[in-house]
Amino acid sequence: MAEEEDIAVYDEVEIEDMTFDETLQIFHYPCPCGDRFEIALADLQDESTDIAVCPSCSLMIRVIFDQDNLPQPPPDDPAPEPIEQQQQVPIAA
């Protein structure tokens, strides 16, 4: 995140002030332009960025959060159990 230290951000926002969309796994925060800043939960979890961007304008915010307090991602669907071969029963003719 060394590169991001030089980024000019509009504001710093506590994650508690953002809205979390469980379906999309994205945090949102209102932008002054009328749209919303967005940052994916996965980006926060793998620490690839703490910058939320607005898709409609050039503004960005820094998200202040504690890694341990992030929502846990939904569990992956377990692999289906292998279907055991059924015994074939001969049919009398």
PDB file of N, CA and C in Angstrom:
ATOM      1  N   MET A   1       0.810  -1.192   0.000  1.00  0.00           N
ATOM      2  CA  MET A   1       0.000   0.000   0.000  1.00  0.00           C
ATOM      3  C   MET A   1       0.857   1.260   0.000  1.00  0.00           C
ATOM      4  N   ALA A   2       2.131   1.161  -0.258  1.00  0.00           N
ATOM      5  CA  ALA A   2       3.012   2.307  -0.246  1.00  0.00           C
ATOM      6  C   ALA A   2       2.608   3.325  -1.307  1.00  0.00           C
ATOM      7  N   GLU A   3       2.179   2.835  -2.489  1.00  0.00           N
ATOM      8  CA  GLU A   3       1.758   3.743  -3.554  1.00  0.00           C
ATOM      9  C   GLU A   3       0.560   4.573  -3.123  1.00  0.00           C
ATOM     10  N   GLU A   4      -0.322   3.982  -2.357  1.00  0.00           N
ATOM     11  CA  GLU A   4      -1.557   4.651  -1.978  1.00  0.00           C
ATOM     12  C   GLU A   4      -1.320   5.775  -0.985  1.00  0.00           C
ATOM     13  N   GLU A   5      -0.157   5.798  -0.336  1.00  0.00           N
ATOM     14  CA  GLU A   5       0.118   6.857   0.623  1.00  0.00           C
ATOM     15  C   GLU A   5       0.138   8.212  -0.069  1.00  0.00           C
ATOM     16  N   ASP A   6       0.454   8.258  -1.361  1.00  0.00           N
ATOM     17  CA  ASP A   6       0.547   9.510  -2.096  1.00  0.00           C
ATOM     18  C   ASP A   6      -0.773   9.910  -2.752  1.00  0.00           C
ATOM     19  N   ILE A   7      -1.783   9.074  -2.660  1.00  0.00           N
ATOM     20  CA  ILE A   7      -3.064   9.359  -3.297  1.00  0.00           C
ATOM     21  C   ILE A   7      -3.806  10.439  -2.517  1.00  0.00           C
ATOM     22  N   ALA A   8      -4.311  11.422  -3.240  1.00  0.00           N
ATOM     23  CA  ALA A   8      -5.114  12.475  -2.602  1.00  0.00           C
ATOM     24  C   ALA A   8      -6.541  11.967  -2.466  1.00  0.00           C
ATOM     25  N   VAL A   9      -6.987  11.815  -1.220  1.00  0.00           N
ATOM     26  CA  VAL A   9      -8.336  11.320  -0.983  1.00  0.00           C
ATOM     27  C   VAL A   9      -9.239  12.455  -0.535  1.00  0.00           C
ATOM     28  N   TYR A  10     -10.506  12.331  -0.881  1.00  0.00           N
ATOM     29  CA  TYR A  10     -11.511  13.327  -0.518  1.00  0.00           C
ATOM     30  C   TYR A  10     -11.744  13.341   0.985  1.00  0.00           C
ATOM     31  N   ASP A  11     -11.770  12.143   1.589  1.00  0.00           N
ATOM     32  CA  ASP A  11     -12.069  12.033   3.014  1.00  0.00           C
ATOM     33  C   ASP A  11     -11.603  10.673   3.515  1.00  0.00           C
ATOM     34  N   GLU A  12     -11.564  10.530   4.824  1.00  0.00           N
ATOM     35  CA  GLU A  12     -11.337   9.231   5.451  1.00  0.00           C
ATOM     36  C   GLU A  12     -12.615   8.869   6.181  1.00  0.00           C
ATOM     37  N   VAL A  13     -13.102   7.654   5.947  1.00  0.00           N
ATOM     38  CA  VAL A  13     -14.406   7.241   6.469  1.00  0.00           C
ATOM     39  C   VAL A  13     -14.258   5.939   7.251  1.00  0.00           C
ATOM     40  N   GLU A  14     -14.835   5.923   8.437  1.00  0.00           N
ATOM     41  CA  GLU A  14     -14.856   4.699   9.236  1.00  0.00           C
ATOM     42  C   GLU A  14     -15.780   3.684   8.549  1.00  0.00           C
ATOM     43  N   ILE A  15     -15.374   2.443   8.533  1.00  0.00           N
ATOM     44  CA  ILE A  15     -16.163   1.408   7.865  1.00  0.00           C
ATOM     45  C   ILE A  15     -17.550   1.266   8.493  1.00  0.00           C
ATOM     46  N   GLU A  16     -17.656   1.593   9.780  1.00  0.00           N
ATOM     47  CA  GLU A  16     -18.954   1.516  10.463  1.00  0.00           C
ATOM     48  C   GLU A  16     -19.968   2.501   9.876  1.00  0.00           C
ATOM     49  N   ASP A  17     -19.483   3.549   9.211  1.00  0.00           N
ATOM     50  CA  ASP A  17     -20.368   4.544   8.600  1.00  0.00           C
ATOM     51  C   ASP A  17     -20.784   4.157   7.186  1.00  0.00           C
ATOM     52  N   MET A  18     -20.242   3.060   6.687  1.00  0.00           N
ATOM     53  CA  MET A  18     -20.562   2.610   5.329  1.00  0.00           C
ATOM     54  C   MET A  18     -21.676   1.565   5.381  1.00  0.00           C
ATOM     55  N   THR A  19     -22.312   1.330   4.241  1.00  0.00           N
ATOM     56  CA  THR A  19     -23.358   0.325   4.117  1.00  0.00           C
ATOM     57  C   THR A  19     -22.770  -0.891   3.413  1.00  0.00           C
ATOM     58  N   PHE A  20     -23.052  -2.083   3.961  1.00  0.00           N
ATOM     59  CA  PHE A  20     -22.532  -3.318   3.363  1.00  0.00           C
ATOM     60  C   PHE A  20     -23.624  -4.038   2.602  1.00  0.00           C
ATOM     61  N   ASP A  21     -23.369  -4.336   1.337  1.00  0.00           N
ATOM     62  CA  ASP A  21     -24.289  -5.099   0.494  1.00  0.00           C
ATOM     63  C   ASP A  21     -23.834  -6.552   0.539  1.00  0.00           C
ATOM     64  N   GLU A  22     -24.591  -7.389   1.290  1.00  0.00           N
ATOM     65  CA  GLU A  22     -24.195  -8.790   1.457  1.00  0.00           C
ATOM     66  C   GLU A  22     -24.223  -9.566   0.149  1.00  0.00           C
ATOM     67  N   THR A  23     -25.147  -9.226  -0.732  1.00  0.00           N
ATOM     68  CA  THR A  23     -25.259  -9.945  -2.001  1.00  0.00           C
ATOM     69  C   THR A  23     -24.035  -9.707  -2.876  1.00  0.00           C
ATOM     70  N   LEU A  24     -23.636  -8.432  -3.007  1.00  0.00           N
ATOM     71  CA  LEU A  24     -22.501  -8.085  -3.857  1.00  0.00           C
ATOM     72  C   LEU A  24     -21.166  -8.119  -3.120  1.00  0.00           C
ATOM     73  N   GLN A  25     -21.215  -8.228  -1.768  1.00  0.00           N
ATOM     74  CA  GLN A  25     -20.006  -8.213  -0.947  1.00  0.00           C
ATOM     75  C   GLN A  25     -19.206  -6.924  -1.172  1.00  0.00           C
ATOM     76  N   ILE A  26     -19.940  -5.782  -1.183  1.00  0.00           N
ATOM     77  CA  ILE A  26     -19.337  -4.469  -1.427  1.00  0.00           C
ATOM     78  C   ILE A  26     -19.808  -3.489  -0.365  1.00  0.00           C
ATOM     79  N   PHE A  27     -18.888  -2.636   0.092  1.00  0.00           N
ATOM     80  CA  PHE A  27     -19.241  -1.536   0.987  1.00  0.00           C
ATOM     81  C   PHE A  27     -19.525  -0.302   0.141  1.00  0.00           C
ATOM     82  N   HIS A  28     -20.548   0.484   0.548  1.00  0.00           N
ATOM     83  CA  HIS A  28     -20.944   1.711  -0.155  1.00  0.00           C
ATOM     84  C   HIS A  28     -20.913   2.885   0.810  1.00  0.00           C
ATOM     85  N   TYR A  29     -20.683   4.076   0.245  1.00  0.00           N
ATOM     86  CA  TYR A  29     -20.762   5.315   1.020  1.00  0.00           C
ATOM     87  C   TYR A  29     -21.165   6.419   0.057  1.00  0.00           C
ATOM     88  N   PRO A  30     -22.092   7.316   0.454  1.00  0.00           N
ATOM     89  CA  PRO A  30     -22.561   8.368  -0.463  1.00  0.00           C
ATOM     90  C   PRO A  30     -21.423   9.297  -0.910  1.00  0.00           C
ATOM     91  N   CYS A  31     -21.413   9.602  -2.183  1.00  0.00           N
ATOM     92  CA  CYS A  31     -20.440  10.534  -2.761  1.00  0.00           C
ATOM     93  C   CYS A  31     -21.141  11.879  -2.973  1.00  0.00           C
ATOM     94  N   PRO A  32     -20.441  12.994  -2.851  1.00  0.00           N
ATOM     95  CA  PRO A  32     -21.070  14.300  -3.083  1.00  0.00           C
ATOM     96  C   PRO A  32     -21.652  14.463  -4.484  1.00  0.00           C
ATOM     97  N   CYS A  33     -21.174  13.681  -5.461  1.00  0.00           N
ATOM     98  CA  CYS A  33     -21.688  13.813  -6.829  1.00  0.00           C
ATOM     99  C   CYS A  33     -23.068  13.178  -6.983  1.00  0.00           C
ATOM    100  N   GLY A  34     -23.511  12.431  -5.958  1.00  0.00           N
ATOM    101  CA  GLY A  34     -24.815  11.781  -6.028  1.00  0.00           C
ATOM    102  C   GLY A  34     -24.726  10.278  -6.203  1.00  0.00           C
ATOM    103  N   ASP A  35     -23.567   9.775  -6.586  1.00  0.00           N
ATOM    104  CA  ASP A  35     -23.363   8.335  -6.720  1.00  0.00           C
ATOM    105  C   ASP A  35     -22.844   7.806  -5.377  1.00  0.00           C
ATOM    106  N   ARG A  36     -22.171   6.653  -5.392  1.00  0.00           N
ATOM    107  CA  ARG A  36     -21.660   6.074  -4.153  1.00  0.00           C
ATOM    108  C   ARG A  36     -20.227   5.596  -4.338  1.00  0.00           C
ATOM    109  N   PHE A  37     -19.403   5.827  -3.319  1.00  0.00           N
ATOM    110  CA  PHE A  37     -18.083   5.217  -3.288  1.00  0.00           C
ATOM    111  C   PHE A  37     -18.298   3.719  -3.087  1.00  0.00           C
ATOM    112  N   GLU A  38     -17.415   2.896  -3.654  1.00  0.00           N
ATOM    113  CA  GLU A  38     -17.542   1.444  -3.528  1.00  0.00           C
ATOM    114  C   GLU A  38     -16.177   0.819  -3.280  1.00  0.00           C
ATOM    115  N   ILE A  39     -16.178  -0.207  -2.427  1.00  0.00           N
ATOM    116  CA  ILE A  39     -14.978  -1.021  -2.248  1.00  0.00           C
ATOM    117  C   ILE A  39     -15.423  -2.438  -1.901  1.00  0.00           C
ATOM    118  N   ALA A  40     -14.783  -3.412  -2.512  1.00  0.00           N
ATOM    119  CA  ALA A  40     -15.153  -4.811  -2.318  1.00  0.00           C
ATOM    120  C   ALA A  40     -14.579  -5.336  -1.004  1.00  0.00           C
ATOM    121  N   LEU A  41     -15.345  -6.178  -0.342  1.00  0.00           N
ATOM    122  CA  LEU A  41     -14.906  -6.811   0.890  1.00  0.00           C
ATOM    123  C   LEU A  41     -13.610  -7.578   0.656  1.00  0.00           C
ATOM    124  N   ALA A  42     -13.503  -8.265  -0.470  1.00  0.00           N
ATOM    125  CA  ALA A  42     -12.304  -9.054  -0.773  1.00  0.00           C
ATOM    126  C   ALA A  42     -11.056  -8.173  -0.829  1.00  0.00           C
ATOM    127  N   ASP A  43     -11.191  -6.953  -1.355  1.00  0.00           N
ATOM    128  CA  ASP A  43     -10.047  -6.035  -1.415  1.00  0.00           C
ATOM    129  C   ASP A  43      -9.587  -5.643  -0.016  1.00  0.00           C
ATOM    130  N   LEU A  44     -10.535  -5.452   0.885  1.00  0.00           N
ATOM    131  CA  LEU A  44     -10.181  -5.110   2.257  1.00  0.00           C
ATOM    132  C   LEU A  44      -9.566  -6.303   2.977  1.00  0.00           C
ATOM    133  N   GLN A  45     -10.106  -7.487   2.738  1.00  0.00           N
ATOM    134  CA  GLN A  45      -9.627  -8.688   3.427  1.00  0.00           C
ATOM    135  C   GLN A  45      -8.207  -9.059   3.026  1.00  0.00           C
ATOM    136  N   ASP A  46      -7.885  -8.932   1.750  1.00  0.00           N
ATOM    137  CA  ASP A  46      -6.526  -9.302   1.334  1.00  0.00           C
ATOM    138  C   ASP A  46      -5.579  -8.110   1.377  1.00  0.00           C
ATOM    139  N   GLU A  47      -6.076  -6.995   1.930  1.00  0.00           N
ATOM    140  CA  GLU A  47      -5.287  -5.786   2.135  1.00  0.00           C
ATOM    141  C   GLU A  47      -4.690  -5.240   0.842  1.00  0.00           C
ATOM    142  N   SER A  48      -5.353  -5.495  -0.300  1.00  0.00           N
ATOM    143  CA  SER A  48      -4.837  -4.977  -1.558  1.00  0.00           C
ATOM    144  C   SER A  48      -5.091  -3.477  -1.690  1.00  0.00           C
ATOM    145  N   THR A  49      -6.121  -2.975  -1.020  1.00  0.00           N
ATOM    146  CA  THR A  49      -6.385  -1.539  -1.030  1.00  0.00           C
ATOM    147  C   THR A  49      -7.316  -1.167   0.114  1.00  0.00           C
ATOM    148  N   ASP A  50      -7.248   0.089   0.503  1.00  0.00           N
ATOM    149  CA  ASP A  50      -8.202   0.628   1.473  1.00  0.00           C
ATOM    150  C   ASP A  50      -8.852   1.882   0.890  1.00  0.00           C
ATOM    151  N   ILE A  51      -8.777   2.010  -0.445  1.00  0.00           N
ATOM    152  CA  ILE A  51      -9.328   3.163  -1.145  1.00  0.00           C
ATOM    153  C   ILE A  51     -10.627   2.776  -1.843  1.00  0.00           C
ATOM    154  N   ALA A  52     -11.709   3.483  -1.490  1.00  0.00           N
ATOM    155  CA  ALA A  52     -12.996   3.286  -2.169  1.00  0.00           C
ATOM    156  C   ALA A  52     -13.113   4.374  -3.234  1.00  0.00           C
ATOM    157  N   VAL A  53     -13.577   3.990  -4.401  1.00  0.00           N
ATOM    158  CA  VAL A  53     -13.690   4.942  -5.509  1.00  0.00           C
ATOM    159  C   VAL A  53     -15.144   5.138  -5.897  1.00  0.00           C
ATOM    160  N   CYS A  54     -15.410   6.305  -6.460  1.00  0.00           N
ATOM    161  CA  CYS A  54     -16.742   6.587  -7.002  1.00  0.00           C
ATOM    162  C   CYS A  54     -16.688   6.295  -8.491  1.00  0.00           C
ATOM    163  N   PRO A  55     -17.629   5.498  -9.007  1.00  0.00           N
ATOM    164  CA  PRO A  55     -17.598   5.175 -10.434  1.00  0.00           C
ATOM    165  C   PRO A  55     -18.016   6.344 -11.335  1.00  0.00           C
ATOM    166  N   SER A  56     -18.581   7.409 -10.755  1.00  0.00           N
ATOM    167  CA  SER A  56     -19.084   8.514 -11.568  1.00  0.00           C
ATOM    168  C   SER A  56     -18.187   9.747 -11.591  1.00  0.00           C
ATOM    169  N   CYS A  57     -17.283   9.864 -10.623  1.00  0.00           N
ATOM    170  CA  CYS A  57     -16.413  11.036 -10.599  1.00  0.00           C
ATOM    171  C   CYS A  57     -15.017  10.616 -10.170  1.00  0.00           C
ATOM    172  N   SER A  58     -14.139  11.550  -9.971  1.00  0.00           N
ATOM    173  CA  SER A  58     -12.751  11.213  -9.663  1.00  0.00           C
ATOM    174  C   SER A  58     -12.454  11.141  -8.169  1.00  0.00           C
ATOM    175  N   LEU A  59     -13.458  11.304  -7.323  1.00  0.00           N
ATOM    176  CA  LEU A  59     -13.216  11.304  -5.888  1.00  0.00           C
ATOM    177  C   LEU A  59     -12.943   9.902  -5.349  1.00  0.00           C
ATOM    178  N   MET A  60     -12.109   9.869  -4.292  1.00  0.00           N
ATOM    179  CA  MET A  60     -11.779   8.623  -3.611  1.00  0.00           C
ATOM    180  C   MET A  60     -11.780   8.888  -2.112  1.00  0.00           C
ATOM    181  N   ILE A  61     -12.085   7.853  -1.332  1.00  0.00           N
ATOM    182  CA  ILE A  61     -12.000   7.965   0.124  1.00  0.00           C
ATOM    183  C   ILE A  61     -11.134   6.828   0.651  1.00  0.00           C
ATOM    184  N   ARG A  62     -10.512   7.077   1.789  1.00  0.00           N
ATOM    185  CA  ARG A  62      -9.755   6.025   2.464  1.00  0.00           C
ATOM    186  C   ARG A  62     -10.675   5.415   3.514  1.00  0.00           C
ATOM    187  N   VAL A  63     -10.769   4.093   3.528  1.00  0.00           N
ATOM    188  CA  VAL A  63     -11.627   3.381   4.477  1.00  0.00           C
ATOM    189  C   VAL A  63     -10.787   3.014   5.692  1.00  0.00           C
ATOM    190  N   ILE A  64     -11.258   3.452   6.868  1.00  0.00           N
ATOM    191  CA  ILE A  64     -10.583   3.147   8.119  1.00  0.00           C
ATOM    192  C   ILE A  64     -11.288   1.935   8.726  1.00  0.00           C
ATOM    193  N   PHE A  65     -10.535   0.859   8.946  1.00  0.00           N
ATOM    194  CA  PHE A  65     -11.150  -0.375   9.444  1.00  0.00           C
ATOM    195  C   PHE A  65     -10.138  -1.210  10.188  1.00  0.00           C
ATOM    196  N   ASP A  66     -10.647  -2.158  10.964  1.00  0.00           N
ATOM    197  CA  ASP A  66      -9.823  -3.138  11.659  1.00  0.00           C
ATOM    198  C   ASP A  66     -10.027  -4.468  10.947  1.00  0.00           C
ATOM    199  N   GLN A  67      -8.957  -5.052  10.481  1.00  0.00           N
ATOM    200  CA  GLN A  67      -9.023  -6.305   9.712  1.00  0.00           C
ATOM    201  C   GLN A  67      -9.829  -7.378  10.441  1.00  0.00           C
ATOM    202  N   ASP A  68      -9.713  -7.431  11.768  1.00  0.00           N
ATOM    203  CA  ASP A  68     -10.390  -8.470  12.548  1.00  0.00           C
ATOM    204  C   ASP A  68     -11.900  -8.263  12.623  1.00  0.00           C
ATOM    205  N   ASN A  69     -12.386  -7.060  12.313  1.00  0.00           N
ATOM    206  CA  ASN A  69     -13.817  -6.773  12.423  1.00  0.00           C
ATOM    207  C   ASN A  69     -14.561  -6.842  11.094  1.00  0.00           C
ATOM    208  N   LEU A  70     -13.886  -7.246  10.035  1.00  0.00           N
ATOM    209  CA  LEU A  70     -14.551  -7.345   8.732  1.00  0.00           C
ATOM    210  C   LEU A  70     -15.522  -8.515   8.730  1.00  0.00           C
ATOM    211  N   PRO A  71     -16.622  -8.389   7.976  1.00  0.00           N
ATOM    212  CA  PRO A  71     -17.542  -9.527   7.850  1.00  0.00           C
ATOM    213  C   PRO A  71     -16.818 -10.709   7.201  1.00  0.00           C
ATOM    214  N   GLN A  72     -17.198 -11.886   7.622  1.00  0.00           N
ATOM    215  CA  GLN A  72     -16.617 -13.087   7.037  1.00  0.00           C
ATOM    216  C   GLN A  72     -17.317 -13.382   5.720  1.00  0.00           C
ATOM    217  N   PRO A  73     -16.557 -13.795   4.702  1.00  0.00           N
ATOM    218  CA  PRO A  73     -17.199 -14.129   3.427  1.00  0.00           C
ATOM    219  C   PRO A  73     -18.089 -15.349   3.604  1.00  0.00           C
ATOM    220  N   PRO A  74     -19.114 -15.471   2.756  1.00  0.00           N
ATOM    221  CA  PRO A  74     -19.977 -16.650   2.867  1.00  0.00           C
ATOM    222  C   PRO A  74     -19.161 -17.901   2.589  1.00  0.00           C
ATOM    223  N   PRO A  75     -19.459 -18.987   3.310  1.00  0.00           N
ATOM    224  CA  PRO A  75     -18.691 -20.212   3.079  1.00  0.00           C
ATOM    225  C   PRO A  75     -18.925 -20.732   1.670  1.00  0.00           C
ATOM    226  N   ASP A  76     -17.872 -21.267   1.099  1.00  0.00           N
ATOM    227  CA  ASP A  76     -18.009 -21.864  -0.235  1.00  0.00           C
ATOM    228  C   ASP A  76     -18.882 -23.103  -0.108  1.00  0.00           C
ATOM    229  N   ASP A  77     -19.608 -23.401  -1.190  1.00  0.00           N
ATOM    230  CA  ASP A  77     -20.423 -24.609  -1.186  1.00  0.00           C
ATOM    231  C   ASP A  77     -19.483 -25.808  -1.114  1.00  0.00           C
ATOM    232  N   PRO A  78     -19.746 -26.715  -0.193  1.00  0.00           N
ATOM    233  CA  PRO A  78     -18.869 -27.887  -0.118  1.00  0.00           C
ATOM    234  C   PRO A  78     -18.991 -28.717  -1.386  1.00  0.00           C
ATOM    235  N   ALA A  79     -17.927 -29.408  -1.705  1.00  0.00           N
ATOM    236  CA  ALA A  79     -17.951 -30.264  -2.891  1.00  0.00           C
ATOM    237  C   ALA A  79     -19.000 -31.346  -2.684  1.00  0.00           C
ATOM    238  N   PRO A  80     -19.773 -31.619  -3.713  1.00  0.00           N
ATOM    239  CA  PRO A  80     -20.801 -32.658  -3.551  1.00  0.00           C
ATOM    240  C   PRO A  80     -20.161 -34.007  -3.268  1.00  0.00           C
ATOM    241  N   GLU A  81     -20.833 -34.755  -2.444  1.00  0.00           N
ATOM    242  CA  GLU A  81     -20.356 -36.099  -2.116  1.00  0.00           C
ATOM    243  C   GLU A  81     -20.432 -36.960  -3.372  1.00  0.00           C
ATOM    244  N   PRO A  82     -19.422 -37.801  -3.587  1.00  0.00           N
ATOM    245  CA  PRO A  82     -19.496 -38.676  -4.761  1.00  0.00           C
ATOM    246  C   PRO A  82     -20.669 -39.640  -4.623  1.00  0.00           C
ATOM    247  N   ILE A  83     -21.340 -39.830  -5.711  1.00  0.00           N
ATOM    248  CA  ILE A  83     -22.485 -40.739  -5.706  1.00  0.00           C
ATOM    249  C   ILE A  83     -21.954 -42.158  -5.860  1.00  0.00           C
ATOM    250  N   GLU A  84     -22.298 -42.974  -4.881  1.00  0.00           N
ATOM    251  CA  GLU A  84     -21.839 -44.359  -4.949  1.00  0.00           C
ATOM    252  C   GLU A  84     -22.582 -45.060  -6.073  1.00  0.00           C
ATOM    253  N   GLN A  85     -21.866 -45.943  -6.734  1.00  0.00           N
ATOM    254  CA  GLN A  85     -22.513 -46.679  -7.817  1.00  0.00           C
ATOM    255  C   GLN A  85     -23.583 -47.565  -7.213  1.00  0.00           C
ATOM    256  N   GLN A  86     -24.736 -47.487  -7.819  1.00  0.00           N
ATOM    257  CA  GLN A  86     -25.841 -48.311  -7.336  1.00  0.00           C
ATOM    258  C   GLN A  86     -25.700 -49.700  -7.953  1.00  0.00           C
ATOM    259  N   GLN A  87     -26.065 -50.678  -7.145  1.00  0.00           N
ATOM    260  CA  GLN A  87     -26.017 -52.035  -7.673  1.00  0.00           C
ATOM    261  C   GLN A  87     -27.146 -52.211  -8.669  1.00  0.00           C
ATOM    262  N   GLN A  88     -26.796 -52.840  -9.773  1.00  0.00           N
ATOM    263  CA  GLN A  88     -27.824 -53.099 -10.762  1.00  0.00           C
ATOM    264  C   GLN A  88     -28.507 -54.415 -10.416  1.00  0.00           C
ATOM    265  N   VAL A  89     -29.805 -54.331 -10.380  1.00  0.00           N
ATOM    266  CA  VAL A  89     -30.586 -55.524 -10.078  1.00  0.00           C
ATOM    267  C   VAL A  89     -31.107 -56.069 -11.396  1.00  0.00           C
ATOM    268  N   PRO A  90     -30.788 -57.336 -11.682  1.00  0.00           N
ATOM    269  CA  PRO A  90     -31.287 -57.894 -12.954  1.00  0.00           C
ATOM    270  C   PRO A  90     -32.822 -57.982 -12.939  1.00  0.00           C
ATOM    271  N   ILE A  91     -33.381 -57.625 -14.067  1.00  0.00           N
ATOM    272  CA  ILE A  91     -34.840 -57.686 -14.194  1.00  0.00           C
ATOM    273  C   ILE A  91     -35.185 -58.985 -14.906  1.00  0.00           C
ATOM    274  N   ALA A  92     -36.116 -59.725 -14.319  1.00  0.00           N
ATOM    275  CA  ALA A  92     -36.506 -60.994 -14.919  1.00  0.00           C
ATOM    276  C   ALA A  92     -37.301 -60.722 -16.187  1.00  0.00           C
ATOM    277  N   ALA A  93     -36.970 -61.484 -17.244  1.00  0.00           N
ATOM    278  CA  ALA A  93     -37.626 -61.274 -18.523  1.00  0.00           C
ATOM    279  C   ALA A  93     -38.786 -62.186 -18.709  1.00  0.00           C
TER     280      ALA A  93
END
